[in-house]
Amino acid sequence: MIRRQGIPLSVYTDCHSIFAVTRKSWPGARALEELGIQLILARSPQAKGRIGRLFRTLQDRLLSELRLEGGKTRQEANAFLHDSFLPTYNQ
């Protein structure tokens, strides 16, 4: 993502324990800090719903479309993701 879009100003995610741990115990916190990326945790039910819908959509649609495309290897999946799925999804 950073190579294609640049460094984001912030990352918006739910309060899942992989994100909402003490900053010193999560190695990703250091990377975010060094890159100047703000971590925003969704705390309200409405915000959590937005994140949940996005993840569910990506998980359901991506797997279904990858099956239709016939991708079997990691390289085929990555090529489909970057060349076809993400550009269409982002439109």
N, C-alpha and C. Protein backbone atom coordinates (compact mmCIF):
# COMPACT_ATOMS: atom_id res chain seq x y z
N MET A 1 0.82 -1.18 0.00
CA MET A 1 0.00 0.00 0.00
C MET A 1 0.87 1.25 0.00
N ILE A 2 1.91 1.26 0.79
CA ILE A 2 2.77 2.44 0.87
C ILE A 2 3.46 2.69 -0.46
N ARG A 3 3.89 1.64 -1.14
CA ARG A 3 4.52 1.82 -2.45
C ARG A 3 3.56 2.40 -3.47
N ARG A 4 2.32 1.98 -3.44
CA ARG A 4 1.34 2.44 -4.43
C ARG A 4 0.67 3.76 -4.07
N GLN A 5 0.33 3.94 -2.80
CA GLN A 5 -0.47 5.09 -2.39
C GLN A 5 0.28 6.11 -1.53
N GLY A 6 1.42 5.71 -0.97
CA GLY A 6 2.13 6.58 -0.05
C GLY A 6 1.80 6.25 1.39
N ILE A 7 2.42 6.96 2.31
CA ILE A 7 2.21 6.72 3.73
C ILE A 7 0.91 7.40 4.17
N PRO A 8 -0.01 6.66 4.77
CA PRO A 8 -1.27 7.28 5.22
C PRO A 8 -1.04 8.18 6.43
N LEU A 9 -1.92 9.13 6.61
CA LEU A 9 -1.86 10.00 7.79
C LEU A 9 -2.33 9.26 9.03
N SER A 10 -3.30 8.33 8.83
CA SER A 10 -3.85 7.58 9.95
C SER A 10 -4.35 6.23 9.48
N VAL A 11 -4.51 5.32 10.43
CA VAL A 11 -5.08 4.00 10.19
C VAL A 11 -6.28 3.88 11.12
N TYR A 12 -7.44 3.57 10.55
CA TYR A 12 -8.70 3.48 11.29
C TYR A 12 -9.09 2.02 11.40
N THR A 13 -9.19 1.51 12.61
CA THR A 13 -9.49 0.10 12.78
C THR A 13 -10.34 -0.11 14.03
N ASP A 14 -10.84 -1.32 14.17
CA ASP A 14 -11.64 -1.61 15.36
C ASP A 14 -10.72 -1.79 16.56
N CYS A 15 -11.30 -2.00 17.73
CA CYS A 15 -10.51 -2.13 18.96
C CYS A 15 -10.11 -3.57 19.24
N HIS A 16 -9.95 -4.35 18.20
CA HIS A 16 -9.54 -5.74 18.38
C HIS A 16 -8.22 -5.77 19.14
N SER A 17 -8.00 -6.81 19.90
CA SER A 17 -6.83 -6.86 20.77
C SER A 17 -5.51 -6.81 20.01
N ILE A 18 -5.49 -7.15 18.71
CA ILE A 18 -4.22 -7.05 18.00
C ILE A 18 -3.83 -5.59 17.76
N PHE A 19 -4.79 -4.67 17.87
CA PHE A 19 -4.50 -3.26 17.69
C PHE A 19 -4.52 -2.50 19.01
N ALA A 20 -5.41 -2.86 19.93
CA ALA A 20 -5.63 -2.09 21.15
C ALA A 20 -4.85 -2.67 22.33
N VAL A 21 -3.56 -2.80 22.16
CA VAL A 21 -2.71 -3.25 23.25
C VAL A 21 -1.83 -2.07 23.65
N THR A 22 -1.08 -2.25 24.71
CA THR A 22 -0.20 -1.15 25.10
C THR A 22 0.81 -0.92 23.99
N ARG A 23 1.10 0.31 23.74
CA ARG A 23 1.96 0.67 22.61
C ARG A 23 3.33 -0.01 22.67
N LYS A 24 3.87 -0.21 23.84
CA LYS A 24 5.21 -0.80 23.94
C LYS A 24 5.20 -2.30 23.64
N SER A 25 4.07 -2.96 23.82
CA SER A 25 4.05 -4.41 23.63
C SER A 25 3.70 -4.82 22.21
N TRP A 26 3.26 -3.89 21.38
CA TRP A 26 2.88 -4.23 20.00
C TRP A 26 3.93 -3.72 19.03
N PRO A 27 4.65 -4.61 18.34
CA PRO A 27 5.71 -4.17 17.43
C PRO A 27 5.22 -3.21 16.34
N GLY A 28 3.96 -3.36 15.91
CA GLY A 28 3.43 -2.49 14.88
C GLY A 28 3.31 -1.04 15.31
N ALA A 29 3.19 -0.82 16.62
CA ALA A 29 3.07 0.55 17.13
C ALA A 29 4.35 1.33 16.82
N ARG A 30 5.46 0.68 16.91
CA ARG A 30 6.73 1.35 16.61
C ARG A 30 6.80 1.74 15.15
N ALA A 31 6.36 0.85 14.26
CA ALA A 31 6.37 1.16 12.83
C ALA A 31 5.45 2.34 12.53
N LEU A 32 4.26 2.33 13.11
CA LEU A 32 3.34 3.45 12.91
C LEU A 32 3.96 4.75 13.42
N GLU A 33 4.56 4.69 14.58
CA GLU A 33 5.17 5.88 15.17
C GLU A 33 6.32 6.40 14.30
N GLU A 34 7.18 5.50 13.84
CA GLU A 34 8.32 5.91 13.02
C GLU A 34 7.87 6.51 11.68
N LEU A 35 6.75 6.03 11.15
CA LEU A 35 6.24 6.56 9.88
C LEU A 35 5.33 7.77 10.07
N GLY A 36 5.04 8.11 11.32
CA GLY A 36 4.18 9.25 11.60
C GLY A 36 2.71 8.98 11.33
N ILE A 37 2.30 7.72 11.46
CA ILE A 37 0.91 7.32 11.19
C ILE A 37 0.14 7.27 12.51
N GLN A 38 -1.00 7.95 12.55
CA GLN A 38 -1.84 7.95 13.74
C GLN A 38 -2.76 6.73 13.73
N LEU A 39 -2.82 6.00 14.83
CA LEU A 39 -3.74 4.86 14.96
C LEU A 39 -5.04 5.36 15.58
N ILE A 40 -6.15 5.21 14.86
CA ILE A 40 -7.47 5.61 15.35
C ILE A 40 -8.27 4.34 15.59
N LEU A 41 -8.70 4.14 16.82
CA LEU A 41 -9.48 2.96 17.17
C LEU A 41 -10.97 3.30 17.17
N ALA A 42 -11.76 2.50 16.49
CA ALA A 42 -13.21 2.69 16.44
C ALA A 42 -13.79 2.21 17.77
N ARG A 43 -14.39 3.11 18.50
CA ARG A 43 -14.92 2.75 19.81
C ARG A 43 -16.44 2.72 19.86
N SER A 44 -17.10 3.46 18.99
CA SER A 44 -18.56 3.49 19.01
C SER A 44 -19.12 2.30 18.23
N PRO A 45 -20.34 1.86 18.53
CA PRO A 45 -20.95 0.77 17.78
C PRO A 45 -21.07 1.09 16.28
N GLN A 46 -21.35 2.36 15.96
CA GLN A 46 -21.49 2.73 14.55
C GLN A 46 -20.16 2.59 13.82
N ALA A 47 -19.10 3.04 14.45
CA ALA A 47 -17.78 2.96 13.82
C ALA A 47 -17.34 1.51 13.69
N LYS A 48 -17.60 0.70 14.71
CA LYS A 48 -17.24 -0.72 14.63
C LYS A 48 -18.00 -1.40 13.51
N GLY A 49 -19.25 -1.00 13.29
CA GLY A 49 -20.05 -1.56 12.20
C GLY A 49 -19.46 -1.26 10.84
N ARG A 50 -18.96 -0.04 10.66
CA ARG A 50 -18.34 0.33 9.39
C ARG A 50 -17.12 -0.52 9.11
N ILE A 51 -16.28 -0.69 10.11
CA ILE A 51 -15.08 -1.51 9.95
C ILE A 51 -15.47 -2.96 9.69
N GLY A 52 -16.42 -3.47 10.47
CA GLY A 52 -16.86 -4.86 10.30
C GLY A 52 -17.43 -5.12 8.92
N ARG A 53 -18.25 -4.19 8.40
CA ARG A 53 -18.81 -4.35 7.06
C ARG A 53 -17.72 -4.36 6.01
N LEU A 54 -16.74 -3.47 6.16
CA LEU A 54 -15.64 -3.42 5.20
C LEU A 54 -14.88 -4.74 5.19
N PHE A 55 -14.48 -5.22 6.37
CA PHE A 55 -13.72 -6.47 6.44
C PHE A 55 -14.54 -7.64 5.89
N ARG A 56 -15.82 -7.70 6.24
CA ARG A 56 -16.67 -8.79 5.76
C ARG A 56 -16.80 -8.73 4.24
N THR A 57 -16.97 -7.55 3.71
CA THR A 57 -17.08 -7.39 2.26
C THR A 57 -15.81 -7.86 1.58
N LEU A 58 -14.68 -7.40 2.10
CA LEU A 58 -13.42 -7.79 1.47
C LEU A 58 -13.18 -9.29 1.58
N GLN A 59 -13.48 -9.87 2.73
CA GLN A 59 -13.27 -11.31 2.89
C GLN A 59 -14.20 -12.11 1.98
N ASP A 60 -15.48 -11.78 1.96
CA ASP A 60 -16.44 -12.53 1.15
C ASP A 60 -16.21 -12.34 -0.33
N ARG A 61 -16.14 -11.09 -0.77
CA ARG A 61 -16.01 -10.81 -2.20
C ARG A 61 -14.68 -11.25 -2.75
N LEU A 62 -13.62 -10.98 -2.03
CA LEU A 62 -12.29 -11.32 -2.53
C LEU A 62 -12.15 -12.82 -2.75
N LEU A 63 -12.57 -13.61 -1.77
CA LEU A 63 -12.46 -15.06 -1.93
C LEU A 63 -13.32 -15.58 -3.07
N SER A 64 -14.54 -15.08 -3.17
CA SER A 64 -15.44 -15.53 -4.25
C SER A 64 -14.88 -15.16 -5.61
N GLU A 65 -14.41 -13.92 -5.74
CA GLU A 65 -13.89 -13.49 -7.04
C GLU A 65 -12.57 -14.16 -7.38
N LEU A 66 -11.78 -14.47 -6.38
CA LEU A 66 -10.53 -15.20 -6.63
C LEU A 66 -10.83 -16.61 -7.13
N ARG A 67 -11.84 -17.24 -6.54
CA ARG A 67 -12.24 -18.58 -7.02
C ARG A 67 -12.70 -18.51 -8.47
N LEU A 68 -13.52 -17.52 -8.79
CA LEU A 68 -14.00 -17.37 -10.17
C LEU A 68 -12.84 -17.12 -11.14
N GLU A 69 -11.85 -16.39 -10.69
CA GLU A 69 -10.69 -16.07 -11.53
C GLU A 69 -9.80 -17.29 -11.72
N GLY A 70 -9.88 -18.25 -10.78
CA GLY A 70 -9.11 -19.48 -10.89
C GLY A 70 -7.72 -19.40 -10.28
N GLY A 71 -7.49 -18.40 -9.43
CA GLY A 71 -6.18 -18.26 -8.80
C GLY A 71 -5.93 -19.38 -7.81
N LYS A 72 -4.79 -20.03 -7.93
CA LYS A 72 -4.46 -21.15 -7.05
C LYS A 72 -3.20 -20.90 -6.22
N THR A 73 -2.31 -20.05 -6.69
CA THR A 73 -1.07 -19.81 -5.97
C THR A 73 -1.08 -18.42 -5.35
N ARG A 74 -0.16 -18.20 -4.45
CA ARG A 74 -0.04 -16.89 -3.82
C ARG A 74 0.27 -15.81 -4.86
N GLN A 75 1.13 -16.14 -5.82
CA GLN A 75 1.49 -15.18 -6.86
C GLN A 75 0.28 -14.82 -7.72
N GLU A 76 -0.53 -15.81 -8.07
CA GLU A 76 -1.74 -15.54 -8.86
C GLU A 76 -2.74 -14.69 -8.06
N ALA A 77 -2.87 -15.01 -6.76
CA ALA A 77 -3.78 -14.24 -5.92
C ALA A 77 -3.33 -12.79 -5.78
N ASN A 78 -2.03 -12.59 -5.57
CA ASN A 78 -1.52 -11.22 -5.45
C ASN A 78 -1.66 -10.45 -6.75
N ALA A 79 -1.41 -11.09 -7.88
CA ALA A 79 -1.56 -10.42 -9.17
C ALA A 79 -3.02 -10.02 -9.38
N PHE A 80 -3.96 -10.92 -9.07
CA PHE A 80 -5.38 -10.60 -9.21
C PHE A 80 -5.78 -9.47 -8.27
N LEU A 81 -5.30 -9.52 -7.04
CA LEU A 81 -5.62 -8.50 -6.05
C LEU A 81 -5.17 -7.12 -6.52
N HIS A 82 -3.93 -7.00 -6.97
CA HIS A 82 -3.37 -5.70 -7.33
C HIS A 82 -3.80 -5.21 -8.71
N ASP A 83 -3.94 -6.14 -9.66
CA ASP A 83 -4.23 -5.73 -11.04
C ASP A 83 -5.71 -5.61 -11.34
N SER A 84 -6.55 -6.36 -10.64
CA SER A 84 -7.96 -6.41 -11.00
C SER A 84 -8.89 -6.03 -9.85
N PHE A 85 -8.81 -6.76 -8.74
CA PHE A 85 -9.78 -6.59 -7.66
C PHE A 85 -9.74 -5.21 -7.02
N LEU A 86 -8.56 -4.79 -6.53
CA LEU A 86 -8.47 -3.51 -5.83
C LEU A 86 -8.81 -2.30 -6.70
N PRO A 87 -8.33 -2.22 -7.95
CA PRO A 87 -8.74 -1.08 -8.76
C PRO A 87 -10.27 -1.01 -8.96
N THR A 88 -10.89 -2.16 -9.19
CA THR A 88 -12.35 -2.19 -9.37
C THR A 88 -13.05 -1.84 -8.07
N TYR A 89 -12.61 -2.42 -6.95
CA TYR A 89 -13.23 -2.17 -5.65
C TYR A 89 -13.10 -0.70 -5.26
N ASN A 90 -11.95 -0.11 -5.51
CA ASN A 90 -11.71 1.28 -5.12
C ASN A 90 -12.49 2.28 -5.96
N GLN A 91 -12.91 1.88 -7.14
CA GLN A 91 -13.74 2.78 -7.96
C GLN A 91 -15.09 2.93 -7.33
